[in-house]
Amino acid sequence: MKKDIVDWKSENDFCVEGVNFFATVDPALYHTRKSDEGSLLIVKTREMIETELQIVSHLDVKNVVDIGIWQGGSVALLDALFKPDLILAIERSNRDLPALEAYIVNNDRSSNVLLKKGVNQADREVVLDILNKEFGDTPIDLAVDDASHQYEETKVSFDLIFPRLREGGVFVIEDWQWSTLPVFYESAYFQDRKGLANLVLQCVITCAGRPDVVSEVTIFPHSVAVKRGP
């Protein structure tokens, strides 16, 4: 990935390789604003994006899995950053994604960006079938989970994808911190659900006891990078 590839115009607006993005975590904006060909919506702050760039900047990324894509901004961003051989995007919703589809066509990426909508990340058989079909024995370099943020669901995705990472490959777990903050764990969506922080702690413990499996865990306030060992 080229240095300084992200050109920030403001705290919300940035450009990568001629592709414009609008970043926000304000529900009033991301639930009403739509991605369009002029600017793709991505539900992150500038700090979150810059943190993830720090996580992945050293990787040679050829194969990517992006789980939970909302309106497709994250897929376009990863594709614009790395131009991978294949990026598999999994989304539970069946919503139309015209802006992402336009990005794919306009940038001649139809053979490189694969969208799988209507797929629950916790559906082990369906996800496994997709991974087998699209990657086979080819290792994955990067996986980003920004989907349900629930422990059980995220663990299914992690268990299926992490063993497929090449040595040094990274699995990013986003928004793990909700189970430490009352404003989130007391909300209707997360209340009485097992905290996602449990998966992070399991990865840390594995890193200590089995560094051949998990060689490194890097923790940030909003995301965690789990590196595959040899």
Protein backbone atom coordinates (compact mmCIF):
# COMPACT_ATOMS: atom_id res chain seq x y z
CA MET A 1 0.00 0.00 0.00
CA LYS A 2 1.40 3.38 -1.00
CA LYS A 3 2.28 5.85 1.74
CA ASP A 4 -0.18 8.71 2.22
CA ILE A 5 -2.66 7.10 -0.15
CA VAL A 6 -5.57 8.53 1.87
CA ASP A 7 -6.19 12.22 1.20
CA TRP A 8 -8.33 13.76 3.95
CA LYS A 9 -10.36 16.81 2.89
CA SER A 10 -12.04 17.20 6.30
CA GLU A 11 -12.76 15.06 9.38
CA ASN A 12 -15.46 13.28 7.37
CA ASP A 13 -14.44 13.51 3.73
CA PHE A 14 -11.49 11.75 2.16
CA CYS A 15 -10.32 10.39 -1.16
CA VAL A 16 -8.40 7.25 -2.16
CA GLU A 17 -7.17 6.80 -5.73
CA GLY A 18 -9.83 9.18 -7.05
CA VAL A 19 -12.66 7.54 -5.06
CA ASN A 20 -14.48 9.80 -2.59
CA PHE A 21 -15.73 8.67 0.82
CA PHE A 22 -17.79 10.14 3.64
CA ALA A 23 -17.03 8.74 7.12
CA THR A 24 -19.35 9.06 10.10
CA VAL A 25 -20.55 7.13 13.15
CA ASP A 26 -23.50 9.46 13.73
CA PRO A 27 -26.65 7.28 13.45
CA ALA A 28 -28.67 10.28 12.32
CA LEU A 29 -26.37 10.48 9.29
CA TYR A 30 -25.55 6.87 8.43
CA HIS A 31 -29.20 5.78 8.72
CA THR A 32 -30.35 8.52 6.34
CA ARG A 33 -27.43 9.31 4.07
CA LYS A 34 -26.92 7.02 1.08
CA SER A 35 -23.77 6.08 -0.75
CA ASP A 36 -23.76 7.45 -4.28
CA GLU A 37 -21.27 7.59 -7.12
CA GLY A 38 -19.99 10.92 -5.81
CA SER A 39 -19.20 9.67 -2.29
CA LEU A 40 -19.36 6.26 -0.66
CA LEU A 41 -20.54 6.07 2.94
CA ILE A 42 -18.37 4.33 5.53
CA VAL A 43 -19.44 3.95 9.16
CA LYS A 44 -16.18 4.81 10.90
CA THR A 45 -14.45 7.86 12.30
CA ARG A 46 -11.23 9.25 10.89
CA GLU A 47 -9.43 7.86 13.95
CA MET A 48 -10.82 4.38 13.30
CA ILE A 49 -9.82 4.47 9.64
CA GLU A 50 -6.31 5.69 10.42
CA THR A 51 -5.94 2.98 13.09
CA GLU A 52 -6.92 0.27 10.63
CA LEU A 53 -4.52 1.66 8.04
CA GLN A 54 -1.82 1.33 10.67
CA ILE A 55 -2.85 -2.28 11.25
CA VAL A 56 -2.79 -3.33 7.60
CA SER A 57 -0.18 -1.03 6.02
CA HIS A 58 2.58 -3.67 6.22
CA LEU A 59 0.51 -6.47 4.65
CA ASP A 60 0.82 -7.74 1.12
CA VAL A 61 -2.90 -8.11 0.54
CA LYS A 62 -4.11 -10.30 -2.31
CA ASN A 63 -7.21 -11.94 -0.79
CA VAL A 64 -9.67 -10.25 1.58
CA VAL A 65 -12.88 -11.09 3.42
CA ASP A 66 -15.02 -8.13 4.54
CA ILE A 67 -17.94 -9.09 6.81
CA GLY A 68 -20.66 -6.51 7.40
CA ILE A 69 -20.51 -3.85 4.69
CA TRP A 70 -23.58 -1.63 5.30
CA GLN A 71 -23.70 0.46 2.09
CA GLY A 72 -20.46 -0.85 0.67
CA GLY A 73 -18.02 1.91 1.59
CA SER A 74 -15.69 -0.47 3.42
CA VAL A 75 -15.47 -2.77 0.40
CA ALA A 76 -14.62 0.07 -1.97
CA LEU A 77 -12.05 1.41 0.52
CA LEU A 78 -10.25 -1.94 0.89
CA ASP A 79 -10.33 -2.44 -2.86
CA ALA A 80 -9.02 1.05 -3.61
CA LEU A 81 -6.24 0.64 -1.04
CA PHE A 82 -4.98 -2.79 -2.11
CA LYS A 83 -6.45 -3.72 -5.49
CA PRO A 84 -6.56 -7.35 -4.27
CA ASP A 85 -7.00 -10.39 -6.47
CA LEU A 86 -10.27 -11.09 -4.65
CA ILE A 87 -12.29 -9.32 -1.99
CA LEU A 88 -15.25 -11.32 -0.72
CA ALA A 89 -17.89 -9.09 0.88
CA ILE A 90 -20.51 -10.73 3.12
CA GLU A 91 -23.62 -8.82 4.19
CA ARG A 92 -26.69 -10.09 6.05
CA SER A 93 -29.01 -7.53 4.47
CA ASN A 94 -30.31 -7.87 0.92
CA ARG A 95 -30.38 -4.11 0.41
CA ASP A 96 -29.48 -2.74 -2.99
CA LEU A 97 -25.94 -1.38 -3.25
CA PRO A 98 -26.01 0.69 -6.43
CA ALA A 99 -23.06 2.92 -5.51
CA LEU A 100 -20.79 -0.03 -4.76
CA GLU A 101 -21.92 -1.82 -7.89
CA ALA A 102 -21.19 1.34 -9.91
CA TYR A 103 -17.72 1.52 -8.31
CA ILE A 104 -17.07 -2.08 -9.31
CA VAL A 105 -18.13 -1.53 -12.93
CA ASN A 106 -16.50 1.89 -13.36
CA ASN A 107 -13.17 0.61 -12.04
CA ASP A 108 -13.28 -2.68 -13.96
CA ARG A 109 -13.28 -4.75 -10.77
CA SER A 110 -16.10 -7.17 -11.57
CA SER A 111 -13.81 -10.19 -11.46
CA ASN A 112 -12.14 -9.05 -8.23
CA VAL A 113 -14.98 -7.87 -5.96
CA LEU A 114 -17.60 -10.47 -5.03
CA LEU A 115 -20.72 -9.51 -3.08
CA LYS A 116 -22.64 -12.13 -1.09
CA LYS A 117 -25.80 -10.54 0.31
CA GLY A 118 -28.38 -12.18 2.54
CA VAL A 119 -25.72 -14.19 4.37
CA ASN A 120 -25.76 -14.45 8.16
CA GLN A 121 -22.19 -14.56 9.44
CA ALA A 122 -23.30 -17.13 12.04
CA ASP A 123 -24.57 -19.56 9.38
CA ARG A 124 -21.59 -21.90 9.55
CA GLU A 125 -22.53 -24.13 6.62
CA VAL A 126 -23.31 -21.28 4.22
CA VAL A 127 -20.19 -19.27 5.10
CA LEU A 128 -17.99 -22.37 4.88
CA ASP A 129 -19.44 -23.25 1.48
CA ILE A 130 -18.72 -19.74 0.20
CA LEU A 131 -15.15 -19.81 1.51
CA ASN A 132 -14.49 -23.21 -0.04
CA LYS A 133 -15.95 -22.17 -3.38
CA GLU A 134 -14.25 -18.79 -3.67
CA PHE A 135 -10.86 -19.45 -2.06
CA GLY A 136 -10.36 -23.20 -1.98
CA ASP A 137 -6.86 -23.74 -0.58
CA THR A 138 -5.73 -20.18 -1.37
CA PRO A 139 -4.77 -18.40 1.86
CA ILE A 140 -6.51 -15.20 2.96
CA ASP A 141 -4.36 -12.20 3.85
CA LEU A 142 -6.88 -9.97 5.62
CA ALA A 143 -10.32 -10.37 7.19
CA VAL A 144 -12.35 -7.53 8.70
CA ASP A 145 -15.41 -8.30 10.83
CA ASP A 146 -17.67 -5.27 11.21
CA ALA A 147 -20.94 -7.17 11.23
CA SER A 148 -23.10 -8.13 14.23
CA HIS A 149 -20.52 -7.32 16.97
CA GLN A 150 -22.08 -10.17 18.93
CA TYR A 151 -19.81 -12.74 20.55
CA GLU A 152 -21.36 -15.97 19.26
CA GLU A 153 -21.82 -14.72 15.70
CA THR A 154 -18.36 -13.19 15.46
CA LYS A 155 -16.76 -16.33 16.89
CA VAL A 156 -18.29 -18.44 14.12
CA SER A 157 -16.73 -16.16 11.49
CA PHE A 158 -13.41 -16.14 13.32
CA ASP A 159 -13.33 -19.93 13.70
CA LEU A 160 -14.01 -20.41 9.98
CA ILE A 161 -11.71 -17.73 8.57
CA PHE A 162 -8.74 -17.44 10.93
CA PRO A 163 -7.35 -20.92 10.11
CA ARG A 164 -7.44 -19.91 6.42
CA LEU A 165 -5.19 -16.90 6.95
CA ARG A 166 -1.65 -17.17 5.69
CA GLU A 167 1.12 -16.88 8.26
CA GLY A 168 1.23 -13.21 9.20
CA GLY A 169 -2.31 -12.63 7.96
CA VAL A 170 -4.60 -10.51 10.12
CA PHE A 171 -8.18 -10.83 11.35
CA VAL A 172 -9.61 -7.47 12.49
CA ILE A 173 -12.45 -7.48 15.04
CA GLU A 174 -14.21 -4.13 15.06
CA ASP A 175 -16.21 -2.45 17.84
CA TRP A 176 -15.24 -5.04 20.46
CA GLN A 177 -15.36 -2.42 23.23
CA TRP A 178 -19.16 -2.25 23.53
CA SER A 179 -19.21 -4.79 26.36
CA THR A 180 -17.13 -2.43 28.53
CA LEU A 181 -19.45 0.59 28.17
CA PRO A 182 -22.91 0.83 29.80
CA VAL A 183 -24.28 3.01 27.01
CA PHE A 184 -23.88 -0.03 24.74
CA TYR A 185 -24.26 -3.12 26.93
CA GLU A 186 -27.47 -1.74 28.47
CA SER A 187 -28.96 -1.08 25.01
CA ALA A 188 -31.69 -3.28 23.59
CA TYR A 189 -29.36 -4.73 20.94
CA PHE A 190 -26.64 -5.91 23.34
CA GLN A 191 -28.48 -6.35 26.64
CA ASP A 192 -27.99 -9.82 28.20
CA ARG A 193 -25.67 -10.86 25.36
CA LYS A 194 -22.20 -12.24 25.97
CA GLY A 195 -19.60 -9.53 25.51
CA LEU A 196 -17.45 -9.49 22.39
CA ALA A 197 -14.51 -8.65 24.65
CA ASN A 198 -14.53 -12.35 25.62
CA LEU A 199 -13.32 -13.27 22.13
CA VAL A 200 -10.56 -10.68 22.37
CA LEU A 201 -9.41 -12.12 25.70
CA GLN A 202 -9.47 -15.65 24.25
CA CYS A 203 -7.17 -14.45 21.47
CA VAL A 204 -4.82 -12.83 24.01
CA ILE A 205 -4.66 -16.04 26.06
CA THR A 206 -4.03 -18.09 22.91
CA CYS A 207 -1.22 -15.72 21.95
CA ALA A 208 0.43 -16.37 25.33
CA GLY A 209 0.02 -20.14 25.29
CA ARG A 210 0.10 -20.91 21.54
CA PRO A 211 2.05 -18.19 19.71
CA ASP A 212 2.38 -20.65 16.83
CA VAL A 213 -1.38 -20.18 16.31
CA VAL A 214 -1.83 -16.52 17.30
CA SER A 215 1.49 -14.73 17.03
CA GLU A 216 0.31 -11.25 18.00
CA VAL A 217 -2.77 -9.40 19.26
CA THR A 218 -2.81 -5.62 18.87
CA ILE A 219 -5.57 -3.86 20.77
CA PHE A 220 -6.98 -0.43 19.96
CA PRO A 221 -10.00 1.29 21.54
CA HIS A 222 -12.31 0.36 18.64
CA SER A 223 -10.60 -2.59 16.96
CA VAL A 224 -8.33 -5.57 17.54
CA ALA A 225 -5.87 -7.10 15.08
CA VAL A 226 -5.20 -10.82 15.55
CA LYS A 227 -2.17 -12.08 13.60
CA ARG A 228 -1.86 -15.68 12.42
CA GLY A 229 1.18 -17.60 13.60
CA PRO A 230 3.15 -20.24 11.69
